[in-house]
């Protein structure tokens, strides 16, 4: 006899046989075990045994039905079903849910909303970047907190999210634009365009690793504002962990991005000068930051047409105009 669960018909046959046998045993009594009893029999003692037997075959029957039906046995509550599906499909970074969602990428996008606020504005003369720096301890050297990085002499970026992930993307972009032997500048004799630099960063965003290196177990938890100046003029791009990028006139990312974007819509116009863009960026940061704006907790950079990171004295001069 096989070790698998019995079929429903077999289980029913066994149940009937056992009930008949137990009932017969319940009618036995007296010295003459084969004669009819002279008095009414006592209460039937086989009911507890029958109940125990039916319970014992309940699980095999349930298992049999679940194995021989096309519809899996799911929890009765809809919330439990949703939780089961989400738990199943958010284990891998390349596994789509039945609704077509990549939960790990969505989690990475949500993580950016916890980062420091960064603002970018494109003007007719160049692009201005301003970023909040969170100096969590008076023992921390403010200059060691890098939230704005240079990619090439004509491209820079501001970040919000995990700084370590941003460094990986920036180093990859630097290799593509200037450091590699087979880079764009060596091959074509001209600087890489800002859009091509942004595309190189986004190409890496959902590969989770480079070349033969072991792939990462999660998406990059960082968003970038990429500012540059090329033959097409100044430009500003925004990237997210999904590997998507957009060109923007002005954009805010990070924890204060909703309020900052609303203020940018009211104050931005394409005829701004560099000085006006600096003032707007810092005034908006002042609104969304919890601390007072100082040269130690704010970074400013511009690309017009080359990249320049402001010194603390230059930042202090912009703050004085507020």
C-alpha atoms as a PDB file:
ATOM      1  CA  UNK A   1       0.000   0.000   0.000  1.00  0.00           C
ATOM      2  CA  UNK A   2       1.397   3.459  -0.927  1.00  0.00           C
ATOM      3  CA  UNK A   3       2.304   6.041   1.610  1.00  0.00           C
ATOM      4  CA  UNK A   4       0.289   8.868   0.030  1.00  0.00           C
ATOM      5  CA  UNK A   5      -3.079  10.111   1.304  1.00  0.00           C
ATOM      6  CA  UNK A   6      -6.108   7.942   0.652  1.00  0.00           C
ATOM      7  CA  UNK A   7      -8.803   8.944  -1.823  1.00  0.00           C
ATOM      8  CA  UNK A   8     -12.155  10.265  -0.509  1.00  0.00           C
ATOM      9  CA  UNK A   9     -13.966   7.044  -1.482  1.00  0.00           C
ATOM     10  CA  UNK A  10     -11.407   4.869   0.309  1.00  0.00           C
ATOM     11  CA  UNK A  11     -11.552   7.016   3.443  1.00  0.00           C
ATOM     12  CA  UNK A  12     -15.370   6.827   3.425  1.00  0.00           C
ATOM     13  CA  UNK A  13     -15.302   3.020   3.108  1.00  0.00           C
ATOM     14  CA  UNK A  14     -12.908   2.720   6.025  1.00  0.00           C
ATOM     15  CA  UNK A  15     -15.065   5.056   8.119  1.00  0.00           C
ATOM     16  CA  UNK A  16     -18.242   3.014   7.465  1.00  0.00           C
ATOM     17  CA  UNK A  17     -16.439  -0.223   8.297  1.00  0.00           C
ATOM     18  CA  UNK A  18     -15.116   1.138  11.578  1.00  0.00           C
ATOM     19  CA  UNK A  19     -18.488   2.572  12.581  1.00  0.00           C
ATOM     20  CA  UNK A  20     -20.166  -0.792  11.924  1.00  0.00           C
ATOM     21  CA  UNK A  21     -17.556  -2.642  13.949  1.00  0.00           C
ATOM     22  CA  UNK A  22     -17.776  -0.246  16.870  1.00  0.00           C
ATOM     23  CA  UNK A  23     -21.574  -0.406  16.832  1.00  0.00           C
ATOM     24  CA  UNK A  24     -21.439  -4.190  16.925  1.00  0.00           C
ATOM     25  CA  UNK A  25     -19.071  -4.079  19.866  1.00  0.00           C
ATOM     26  CA  UNK A  26     -21.435  -1.727  21.673  1.00  0.00           C
ATOM     27  CA  UNK A  27     -24.264  -4.334  21.451  1.00  0.00           C
ATOM     28  CA  UNK A  28     -22.243  -7.103  23.092  1.00  0.00           C
ATOM     29  CA  UNK A  29     -23.171  -7.947  26.674  1.00  0.00           C
ATOM     30  CA  UNK A  30     -24.089 -10.735  29.134  1.00  0.00           C
ATOM     31  CA  UNK A  31     -22.806 -14.304  29.162  1.00  0.00           C
ATOM     32  CA  UNK A  32     -24.397 -15.218  25.860  1.00  0.00           C
ATOM     33  CA  UNK A  33     -22.639 -12.796  23.563  1.00  0.00           C
ATOM     34  CA  UNK A  34     -24.599 -13.970  20.529  1.00  0.00           C
ATOM     35  CA  UNK A  35     -28.118 -13.597  21.973  1.00  0.00           C
ATOM     36  CA  UNK A  36     -30.170 -10.430  21.998  1.00  0.00           C
ATOM     37  CA  UNK A  37     -29.882  -8.415  25.234  1.00  0.00           C
ATOM     38  CA  UNK A  38     -32.835  -8.715  27.653  1.00  0.00           C
ATOM     39  CA  UNK A  39     -32.656  -5.028  28.672  1.00  0.00           C
ATOM     40  CA  UNK A  40     -32.020  -1.792  26.740  1.00  0.00           C
ATOM     41  CA  UNK A  41     -28.309  -1.313  26.054  1.00  0.00           C
ATOM     42  CA  UNK A  42     -26.398   1.415  27.879  1.00  0.00           C
ATOM     43  CA  UNK A  43     -25.652   4.689  26.081  1.00  0.00           C
ATOM     44  CA  UNK A  44     -23.603   4.033  22.984  1.00  0.00           C
ATOM     45  CA  UNK A  45     -19.912   4.421  23.913  1.00  0.00           C
ATOM     46  CA  UNK A  46     -18.704   4.527  20.329  1.00  0.00           C
ATOM     47  CA  UNK A  47     -19.594   8.170  19.639  1.00  0.00           C
ATOM     48  CA  UNK A  48     -16.339   9.603  21.112  1.00  0.00           C
ATOM     49  CA  UNK A  49     -14.369   6.994  19.186  1.00  0.00           C
ATOM     50  CA  UNK A  50     -16.211   7.806  15.974  1.00  0.00           C
ATOM     51  CA  UNK A  51     -15.627  11.534  16.464  1.00  0.00           C
ATOM     52  CA  UNK A  52     -11.936  10.950  17.055  1.00  0.00           C
ATOM     53  CA  UNK A  53     -11.744   8.806  13.937  1.00  0.00           C
ATOM     54  CA  UNK A  54     -13.486  11.395  11.768  1.00  0.00           C
ATOM     55  CA  UNK A  55     -11.116  14.071  13.035  1.00  0.00           C
ATOM     56  CA  UNK A  56      -8.173  11.814  12.210  1.00  0.00           C
ATOM     57  CA  UNK A  57      -9.246  11.513   8.568  1.00  0.00           C
ATOM     58  CA  UNK A  58     -10.144  15.206   8.211  1.00  0.00           C
ATOM     59  CA  UNK A  59      -6.587  16.373   7.551  1.00  0.00           C
ATOM     60  CA  UNK A  60      -5.823  13.686   4.896  1.00  0.00           C
ATOM     61  CA  UNK A  61      -9.078  14.578   3.116  1.00  0.00           C
ATOM     62  CA  UNK A  62      -8.192  18.282   3.217  1.00  0.00           C
ATOM     63  CA  UNK A  63      -4.717  17.520   1.902  1.00  0.00           C
ATOM     64  CA  UNK A  64      -6.169  15.358  -0.875  1.00  0.00           C
ATOM     65  CA  UNK A  65      -8.590  18.066  -1.985  1.00  0.00           C
ATOM     66  CA  UNK A  66      -5.847  20.704  -2.050  1.00  0.00           C
ATOM     67  CA  UNK A  67      -3.590  18.471  -4.151  1.00  0.00           C
ATOM     68  CA  UNK A  68      -6.256  17.466  -6.674  1.00  0.00           C
ATOM     69  CA  UNK A  69      -7.921  20.804  -7.333  1.00  0.00           C
ATOM     70  CA  UNK A  70      -6.679  23.542  -9.655  1.00  0.00           C
ATOM     71  CA  UNK A  71      -7.449  26.321  -7.132  1.00  0.00           C
ATOM     72  CA  UNK A  72      -5.030  26.497  -4.177  1.00  0.00           C
ATOM     73  CA  UNK A  73      -6.498  26.689  -0.675  1.00  0.00           C
ATOM     74  CA  UNK A  74      -5.860  30.317   0.360  1.00  0.00           C
ATOM     75  CA  UNK A  75      -6.665  32.089   3.616  1.00  0.00           C
ATOM     76  CA  UNK A  76     -10.292  33.167   4.009  1.00  0.00           C
ATOM     77  CA  UNK A  77      -9.538  36.843   4.785  1.00  0.00           C
ATOM     78  CA  UNK A  78      -8.598  39.033   1.750  1.00  0.00           C
ATOM     79  CA  UNK A  79      -5.995  40.886   3.834  1.00  0.00           C
ATOM     80  CA  UNK A  80      -4.262  37.593   4.567  1.00  0.00           C
ATOM     81  CA  UNK A  81      -4.198  36.785   0.846  1.00  0.00           C
ATOM     82  CA  UNK A  82      -2.634  40.187   0.021  1.00  0.00           C
ATOM     83  CA  UNK A  83      -0.048  39.710   2.759  1.00  0.00           C
ATOM     84  CA  UNK A  84       0.762  36.237   1.428  1.00  0.00           C
ATOM     85  CA  UNK A  85       1.244  37.544  -2.122  1.00  0.00           C
ATOM     86  CA  UNK A  86       3.366  40.507  -1.005  1.00  0.00           C
ATOM     87  CA  UNK A  87       5.572  38.269   1.156  1.00  0.00           C
ATOM     88  CA  UNK A  88       6.009  35.886  -1.752  1.00  0.00           C
ATOM     89  CA  UNK A  89       6.897  38.470  -4.393  1.00  0.00           C
ATOM     90  CA  UNK A  90       9.098  40.890  -2.468  1.00  0.00           C
ATOM     91  CA  UNK A  91      11.813  38.315  -1.834  1.00  0.00           C
ATOM     92  CA  UNK A  92      13.608  38.883  -5.131  1.00  0.00           C
ATOM     93  CA  UNK A  93      14.563  42.078  -6.889  1.00  0.00           C
ATOM     94  CA  UNK A  94      13.667  40.652 -10.310  1.00  0.00           C
ATOM     95  CA  UNK A  95      10.317  39.039  -9.418  1.00  0.00           C
ATOM     96  CA  UNK A  96       7.157  40.790 -10.568  1.00  0.00           C
ATOM     97  CA  UNK A  97       3.965  40.501  -8.531  1.00  0.00           C
ATOM     98  CA  UNK A  98       0.720  39.537 -10.340  1.00  0.00           C
ATOM     99  CA  UNK A  99      -0.094  43.265 -10.409  1.00  0.00           C
ATOM    100  CA  UNK A 100       3.155  43.952 -12.306  1.00  0.00           C
ATOM    101  CA  UNK A 101       5.004  45.573  -9.387  1.00  0.00           C
ATOM    102  CA  UNK A 102       8.602  45.250  -8.200  1.00  0.00           C
ATOM    103  CA  UNK A 103       8.281  45.689  -4.464  1.00  0.00           C
ATOM    104  CA  UNK A 104      12.029  46.044  -3.805  1.00  0.00           C
ATOM    105  CA  UNK A 105      12.226  48.983  -6.225  1.00  0.00           C
ATOM    106  CA  UNK A 106       9.203  50.588  -4.568  1.00  0.00           C
ATOM    107  CA  UNK A 107      10.859  50.199  -1.167  1.00  0.00           C
ATOM    108  CA  UNK A 108      14.009  51.889  -2.490  1.00  0.00           C
ATOM    109  CA  UNK A 109      11.956  54.825  -3.782  1.00  0.00           C
ATOM    110  CA  UNK A 110      10.306  55.142  -0.366  1.00  0.00           C
ATOM    111  CA  UNK A 111      13.729  55.138   1.318  1.00  0.00           C
ATOM    112  CA  UNK A 112      14.694  58.262  -0.646  1.00  0.00           C
ATOM    113  CA  UNK A 113      11.877  60.161   1.067  1.00  0.00           C
ATOM    114  CA  UNK A 114      13.804  59.757   4.327  1.00  0.00           C
ATOM    115  CA  UNK A 115      16.977  61.366   2.951  1.00  0.00           C
ATOM    116  CA  UNK A 116      18.144  64.952   3.117  1.00  0.00           C
ATOM    117  CA  UNK A 117      16.522  67.510   0.827  1.00  0.00           C
ATOM    118  CA  UNK A 118      18.266  68.494  -2.417  1.00  0.00           C
ATOM    119  CA  UNK A 119      17.165  71.165  -4.903  1.00  0.00           C
ATOM    120  CA  UNK A 120      18.224  71.866  -8.477  1.00  0.00           C
ATOM    121  CA  UNK A 121      17.326  74.856 -10.682  1.00  0.00           C
ATOM    122  CA  UNK A 122      18.239  75.371 -14.331  1.00  0.00           C
ATOM    123  CA  UNK A 123      18.794  78.954 -15.470  1.00  0.00           C
ATOM    124  CA  UNK A 124      19.720  80.542 -18.783  1.00  0.00           C
ATOM    125  CA  UNK A 125      23.378  80.690 -17.687  1.00  0.00           C
ATOM    126  CA  UNK A 126      23.792  77.376 -15.873  1.00  0.00           C
ATOM    127  CA  UNK A 127      22.451  75.051 -13.178  1.00  0.00           C
ATOM    128  CA  UNK A 128      22.452  75.566  -9.397  1.00  0.00           C
ATOM    129  CA  UNK A 129      22.394  72.701  -6.864  1.00  0.00           C
ATOM    130  CA  UNK A 130      21.707  73.150  -3.135  1.00  0.00           C
ATOM    131  CA  UNK A 131      21.654  70.308  -0.589  1.00  0.00           C
ATOM    132  CA  UNK A 132      20.936  69.939   3.098  1.00  0.00           C
ATOM    133  CA  UNK A 133      23.763  68.306   5.085  1.00  0.00           C
ATOM    134  CA  UNK A 134      22.751  66.523   8.282  1.00  0.00           C
ATOM    135  CA  UNK A 135      25.602  66.965  10.749  1.00  0.00           C
ATOM    136  CA  UNK A 136      24.442  64.672  13.544  1.00  0.00           C
ATOM    137  CA  UNK A 137      27.245  65.392  16.015  1.00  0.00           C
ATOM    138  CA  UNK A 138      29.407  68.418  16.909  1.00  0.00           C
ATOM    139  CA  UNK A 139      32.386  66.059  16.721  1.00  0.00           C
ATOM    140  CA  UNK A 140      31.713  65.406  13.031  1.00  0.00           C
ATOM    141  CA  UNK A 141      33.702  67.386  10.470  1.00  0.00           C
ATOM    142  CA  UNK A 142      31.095  69.027   8.172  1.00  0.00           C
ATOM    143  CA  UNK A 143      33.375  68.972   5.126  1.00  0.00           C
ATOM    144  CA  UNK A 144      33.495  65.154   5.289  1.00  0.00           C
ATOM    145  CA  UNK A 145      29.760  64.922   4.519  1.00  0.00           C
ATOM    146  CA  UNK A 146      29.609  64.964   0.708  1.00  0.00           C
ATOM    147  CA  UNK A 147      26.178  65.500  -0.780  1.00  0.00           C
ATOM    148  CA  UNK A 148      27.334  67.143  -4.034  1.00  0.00           C
ATOM    149  CA  UNK A 149      29.941  65.402  -6.202  1.00  0.00           C
ATOM    150  CA  UNK A 150      31.769  66.223  -9.410  1.00  0.00           C
ATOM    151  CA  UNK A 151      31.439  63.695 -12.227  1.00  0.00           C
ATOM    152  CA  UNK A 152      33.367  65.563 -14.916  1.00  0.00           C
ATOM    153  CA  UNK A 153      34.528  69.132 -15.358  1.00  0.00           C
ATOM    154  CA  UNK A 154      31.147  69.985 -16.890  1.00  0.00           C
ATOM    155  CA  UNK A 155      28.863  67.671 -14.866  1.00  0.00           C
ATOM    156  CA  UNK A 156      28.006  67.464 -11.163  1.00  0.00           C
ATOM    157  CA  UNK A 157      25.290  65.806  -9.106  1.00  0.00           C
ATOM    158  CA  UNK A 158      23.414  66.192  -5.823  1.00  0.00           C
ATOM    159  CA  UNK A 159      22.044  63.162  -3.995  1.00  0.00           C
ATOM    160  CA  UNK A 160      19.416  62.051  -1.522  1.00  0.00           C
ATOM    161  CA  UNK A 161      19.403  58.595   0.028  1.00  0.00           C
ATOM    162  CA  UNK A 162      22.256  56.216   0.785  1.00  0.00           C
ATOM    163  CA  UNK A 163      25.577  57.974   0.198  1.00  0.00           C
ATOM    164  CA  UNK A 164      27.436  54.687  -0.343  1.00  0.00           C
ATOM    165  CA  UNK A 165      25.096  53.800  -3.209  1.00  0.00           C
ATOM    166  CA  UNK A 166      25.581  57.282  -4.673  1.00  0.00           C
ATOM    167  CA  UNK A 167      29.357  56.818  -4.647  1.00  0.00           C
ATOM    168  CA  UNK A 168      29.002  53.600  -6.642  1.00  0.00           C
ATOM    169  CA  UNK A 169      26.912  55.324  -9.301  1.00  0.00           C
ATOM    170  CA  UNK A 170      29.167  58.396  -9.416  1.00  0.00           C
ATOM    171  CA  UNK A 171      32.314  56.288  -9.772  1.00  0.00           C
ATOM    172  CA  UNK A 172      30.691  54.393 -12.622  1.00  0.00           C
ATOM    173  CA  UNK A 173      29.805  57.685 -14.327  1.00  0.00           C
ATOM    174  CA  UNK A 174      33.348  58.986 -13.852  1.00  0.00           C
ATOM    175  CA  UNK A 175      34.759  55.894 -15.522  1.00  0.00           C
ATOM    176  CA  UNK A 176      32.376  56.340 -18.424  1.00  0.00           C
ATOM    177  CA  UNK A 177      33.213  60.027 -18.895  1.00  0.00           C
ATOM    178  CA  UNK A 178      36.893  60.465 -18.056  1.00  0.00           C
ATOM    179  CA  UNK A 179      38.853  57.682 -16.338  1.00  0.00           C
ATOM    180  CA  UNK A 180      38.577  54.591 -18.537  1.00  0.00           C
ATOM    181  CA  UNK A 181      41.020  53.911 -21.368  1.00  0.00           C
ATOM    182  CA  UNK A 182      38.082  53.272 -23.681  1.00  0.00           C
ATOM    183  CA  UNK A 183      35.978  56.147 -22.380  1.00  0.00           C
ATOM    184  CA  UNK A 184      33.923  58.626 -24.329  1.00  0.00           C
ATOM    185  CA  UNK A 185      36.504  61.427 -24.300  1.00  0.00           C
ATOM    186  CA  UNK A 186      39.268  59.136 -25.595  1.00  0.00           C
ATOM    187  CA  UNK A 187      37.075  57.560 -28.272  1.00  0.00           C
ATOM    188  CA  UNK A 188      35.383  60.677 -29.632  1.00  0.00           C
ATOM    189  CA  UNK A 189      37.708  63.499 -28.582  1.00  0.00           C
ATOM    190  CA  UNK A 190      34.934  65.491 -26.935  1.00  0.00           C
ATOM    191  CA  UNK A 191      33.222  65.588 -23.530  1.00  0.00           C
ATOM    192  CA  UNK A 192      30.316  63.251 -22.919  1.00  0.00           C
ATOM    193  CA  UNK A 193      26.936  64.947 -23.078  1.00  0.00           C
ATOM    194  CA  UNK A 194      24.939  65.353 -19.887  1.00  0.00           C
ATOM    195  CA  UNK A 195      22.169  63.106 -21.188  1.00  0.00           C
ATOM    196  CA  UNK A 196      24.630  60.328 -22.072  1.00  0.00           C
ATOM    197  CA  UNK A 197      26.186  60.583 -18.610  1.00  0.00           C
ATOM    198  CA  UNK A 198      22.753  60.270 -17.033  1.00  0.00           C
ATOM    199  CA  UNK A 199      21.955  57.311 -19.276  1.00  0.00           C
ATOM    200  CA  UNK A 200      25.160  55.551 -18.174  1.00  0.00           C
ATOM    201  CA  UNK A 201      24.133  55.934 -14.528  1.00  0.00           C
ATOM    202  CA  UNK A 202      20.618  54.647 -15.146  1.00  0.00           C
ATOM    203  CA  UNK A 203      21.915  51.658 -17.119  1.00  0.00           C
ATOM    204  CA  UNK A 204      23.606  50.499 -13.916  1.00  0.00           C
ATOM    205  CA  UNK A 205      20.624  51.215 -11.668  1.00  0.00           C
ATOM    206  CA  UNK A 206      18.804  47.915 -12.286  1.00  0.00           C
ATOM    207  CA  UNK A 207      21.804  45.695 -13.048  1.00  0.00           C
ATOM    208  CA  UNK A 208      22.795  45.571  -9.359  1.00  0.00           C
ATOM    209  CA  UNK A 209      26.498  45.165 -10.200  1.00  0.00           C
ATOM    210  CA  UNK A 210      29.109  45.564 -12.924  1.00  0.00           C
ATOM    211  CA  UNK A 211      30.669  43.013 -15.284  1.00  0.00           C
ATOM    212  CA  UNK A 212      31.395  39.645 -13.699  1.00  0.00           C
ATOM    213  CA  UNK A 213      31.008  40.940 -10.164  1.00  0.00           C
ATOM    214  CA  UNK A 214      28.415  39.297  -7.982  1.00  0.00           C
ATOM    215  CA  UNK A 215      25.135  41.140  -8.279  1.00  0.00           C
ATOM    216  CA  UNK A 216      23.740  43.127  -5.388  1.00  0.00           C
ATOM    217  CA  UNK A 217      20.711  41.863  -3.496  1.00  0.00           C
ATOM    218  CA  UNK A 218      18.777  45.139  -3.722  1.00  0.00           C
ATOM    219  CA  UNK A 219      18.322  48.241  -5.903  1.00  0.00           C
ATOM    220  CA  UNK A 220      20.365  51.400  -5.321  1.00  0.00           C
ATOM    221  CA  UNK A 221      18.647  53.387  -2.575  1.00  0.00           C
ATOM    222  CA  UNK A 222      19.546  56.824  -3.904  1.00  0.00           C
ATOM    223  CA  UNK A 223      18.132  59.494  -6.184  1.00  0.00           C
ATOM    224  CA  UNK A 224      20.309  61.974  -8.091  1.00  0.00           C
ATOM    225  CA  UNK A 225      19.967  65.471  -9.511  1.00  0.00           C
ATOM    226  CA  UNK A 226      22.488  65.628 -12.369  1.00  0.00           C
ATOM    227  CA  UNK A 227      23.462  69.124 -13.518  1.00  0.00           C
ATOM    228  CA  UNK A 228      25.633  69.840 -16.528  1.00  0.00           C
ATOM    229  CA  UNK A 229      26.524  72.133 -19.387  1.00  0.00           C
ATOM    230  CA  UNK A 230      27.360  70.874 -22.876  1.00  0.00           C
ATOM    231  CA  UNK A 231      26.959  71.894 -26.510  1.00  0.00           C
ATOM    232  CA  UNK A 232      23.193  71.934 -25.996  1.00  0.00           C
ATOM    233  CA  UNK A 233      23.439  74.383 -23.110  1.00  0.00           C
ATOM    234  CA  UNK A 234      22.651  73.854 -19.411  1.00  0.00           C
ATOM    235  CA  UNK A 235      20.503  70.890 -18.403  1.00  0.00           C
ATOM    236  CA  UNK A 236      19.174  69.228 -15.257  1.00  0.00           C
ATOM    237  CA  UNK A 237      18.188  65.554 -14.945  1.00  0.00           C
ATOM    238  CA  UNK A 238      16.496  63.595 -12.177  1.00  0.00           C
ATOM    239  CA  UNK A 239      17.007  59.831 -11.631  1.00  0.00           C
ATOM    240  CA  UNK A 240      15.357  57.305  -9.312  1.00  0.00           C
ATOM    241  CA  UNK A 241      16.105  53.665  -8.282  1.00  0.00           C
ATOM    242  CA  UNK A 242      13.973  52.250 -11.100  1.00  0.00           C
ATOM    243  CA  UNK A 243      16.571  53.385 -13.647  1.00  0.00           C
ATOM    244  CA  UNK A 244      14.263  56.066 -15.043  1.00  0.00           C
ATOM    245  CA  UNK A 245      15.395  59.632 -15.652  1.00  0.00           C
ATOM    246  CA  UNK A 246      13.646  62.866 -16.594  1.00  0.00           C
ATOM    247  CA  UNK A 247      14.881  66.275 -17.723  1.00  0.00           C
ATOM    248  CA  UNK A 248      13.608  69.063 -15.471  1.00  0.00           C
ATOM    249  CA  UNK A 249      13.727  72.833 -15.202  1.00  0.00           C
ATOM    250  CA  UNK A 250      13.633  72.594 -11.405  1.00  0.00           C
ATOM    251  CA  UNK A 251      13.323  69.639  -9.050  1.00  0.00           C
ATOM    252  CA  UNK A 252      13.502  68.750  -5.345  1.00  0.00           C
ATOM    253  CA  UNK A 253      14.203  65.312  -3.840  1.00  0.00           C
ATOM    254  CA  UNK A 254      14.393  63.970  -0.304  1.00  0.00           C
ATOM    255  CA  UNK A 255      12.295  64.294   2.835  1.00  0.00           C
ATOM    256  CA  UNK A 256      11.158  67.858   2.107  1.00  0.00           C
ATOM    257  CA  UNK A 257      10.573  67.352  -1.609  1.00  0.00           C
ATOM    258  CA  UNK A 258       6.786  67.826  -1.566  1.00  0.00           C
ATOM    259  CA  UNK A 259       6.876  71.256   0.038  1.00  0.00           C
ATOM    260  CA  UNK A 260       9.965  72.262  -1.934  1.00  0.00           C
ATOM    261  CA  UNK A 261       8.400  71.265  -5.270  1.00  0.00           C
ATOM    262  CA  UNK A 262       5.325  73.317  -4.425  1.00  0.00           C
ATOM    263  CA  UNK A 263       7.490  76.371  -3.700  1.00  0.00           C
ATOM    264  CA  UNK A 264       9.495  75.848  -6.896  1.00  0.00           C
ATOM    265  CA  UNK A 265       6.313  75.896  -8.967  1.00  0.00           C
ATOM    266  CA  UNK A 266       5.453  79.299  -7.517  1.00  0.00           C
ATOM    267  CA  UNK A 267       8.906  80.916  -7.747  1.00  0.00           C
ATOM    268  CA  UNK A 268      10.665  79.381 -10.762  1.00  0.00           C
ATOM    269  CA  UNK A 269      10.923  80.916 -14.217  1.00  0.00           C
ATOM    270  CA  UNK A 270      13.346  80.245 -17.056  1.00  0.00           C
ATOM    271  CA  UNK A 271      14.774  83.772 -17.030  1.00  0.00           C
ATOM    272  CA  UNK A 272      16.386  83.407 -13.601  1.00  0.00           C
ATOM    273  CA  UNK A 273      20.023  84.348 -13.132  1.00  0.00           C
ATOM    274  CA  UNK A 274      22.536  82.270 -11.198  1.00  0.00           C
ATOM    275  CA  UNK A 275      22.338  84.627  -8.205  1.00  0.00           C
ATOM    276  CA  UNK A 276      18.535  84.520  -8.160  1.00  0.00           C
ATOM    277  CA  UNK A 277      18.554  80.718  -8.377  1.00  0.00           C
ATOM    278  CA  UNK A 278      20.970  80.551  -5.419  1.00  0.00           C
ATOM    279  CA  UNK A 279      18.663  82.713  -3.328  1.00  0.00           C
ATOM    280  CA  UNK A 280      15.548  80.719  -4.225  1.00  0.00           C
ATOM    281  CA  UNK A 281      17.239  77.381  -3.517  1.00  0.00           C
ATOM    282  CA  UNK A 282      18.481  78.435  -0.085  1.00  0.00           C
ATOM    283  CA  UNK A 283      15.210  80.130   0.865  1.00  0.00           C
ATOM    284  CA  UNK A 284      13.306  76.923   0.088  1.00  0.00           C
ATOM    285  CA  UNK A 285      15.820  74.842   2.042  1.00  0.00           C
ATOM    286  CA  UNK A 286      15.339  77.230   4.942  1.00  0.00           C
ATOM    287  CA  UNK A 287      11.598  76.494   4.868  1.00  0.00           C
ATOM    288  CA  UNK A 288      11.879  72.686   4.845  1.00  0.00           C
ATOM    289  CA  UNK A 289      14.910  72.206   7.101  1.00  0.00           C
ATOM    290  CA  UNK A 290      14.424  71.666  10.815  1.00  0.00           C
ATOM    291  CA  UNK A 291      17.661  73.460  11.710  1.00  0.00           C
ATOM    292  CA  UNK A 292      18.854  76.968  10.986  1.00  0.00           C
ATOM    293  CA  UNK A 293      20.670  77.322   7.659  1.00  0.00           C
ATOM    294  CA  UNK A 294      24.436  77.695   8.144  1.00  0.00           C
ATOM    295  CA  UNK A 295      27.523  77.103   5.964  1.00  0.00           C
ATOM    296  CA  UNK A 296      28.066  73.864   7.914  1.00  0.00           C
ATOM    297  CA  UNK A 297      24.751  72.212   7.067  1.00  0.00           C
ATOM    298  CA  UNK A 298      24.254  73.372   3.470  1.00  0.00           C
ATOM    299  CA  UNK A 299      26.220  72.745   0.259  1.00  0.00           C
ATOM    300  CA  UNK A 300      25.862  74.749  -2.963  1.00  0.00           C
ATOM    301  CA  UNK A 301      27.361  74.099  -6.388  1.00  0.00           C
ATOM    302  CA  UNK A 302      26.857  75.431  -9.898  1.00  0.00           C
ATOM    303  CA  UNK A 303      27.722  74.344 -13.430  1.00  0.00           C
ATOM    304  CA  UNK A 304      28.123  77.368 -15.701  1.00  0.00           C
ATOM    305  CA  UNK A 305      29.709  76.056 -17.840  1.00  0.00           C
ATOM    306  CA  UNK A 306      32.246  74.286 -15.572  1.00  0.00           C
ATOM    307  CA  UNK A 307      31.563  72.675 -12.201  1.00  0.00           C
ATOM    308  CA  UNK A 308      32.214  74.733  -9.060  1.00  0.00           C
ATOM    309  CA  UNK A 309      31.538  73.785  -5.422  1.00  0.00           C
ATOM    310  CA  UNK A 310      31.025  76.816  -3.185  1.00  0.00           C
ATOM    311  CA  UNK A 311      33.366  77.461  -0.270  1.00  0.00           C
ATOM    312  CA  UNK A 312      31.920  78.131   3.226  1.00  0.00           C
ATOM    313  CA  UNK A 313      32.578  81.853   2.699  1.00  0.00           C
ATOM    314  CA  UNK A 314      30.616  81.830  -0.575  1.00  0.00           C
ATOM    315  CA  UNK A 315      27.751  79.960   1.093  1.00  0.00           C
ATOM    316  CA  UNK A 316      27.756  82.527   3.908  1.00  0.00           C
ATOM    317  CA  UNK A 317      27.459  85.311   1.327  1.00  0.00           C
ATOM    318  CA  UNK A 318      24.383  83.661  -0.206  1.00  0.00           C
ATOM    319  CA  UNK A 319      22.808  83.169   3.229  1.00  0.00           C
ATOM    320  CA  UNK A 320      23.324  86.870   3.949  1.00  0.00           C
ATOM    321  CA  UNK A 321      21.095  87.717   0.953  1.00  0.00           C
ATOM    322  CA  UNK A 322      18.104  85.830   2.353  1.00  0.00           C
END
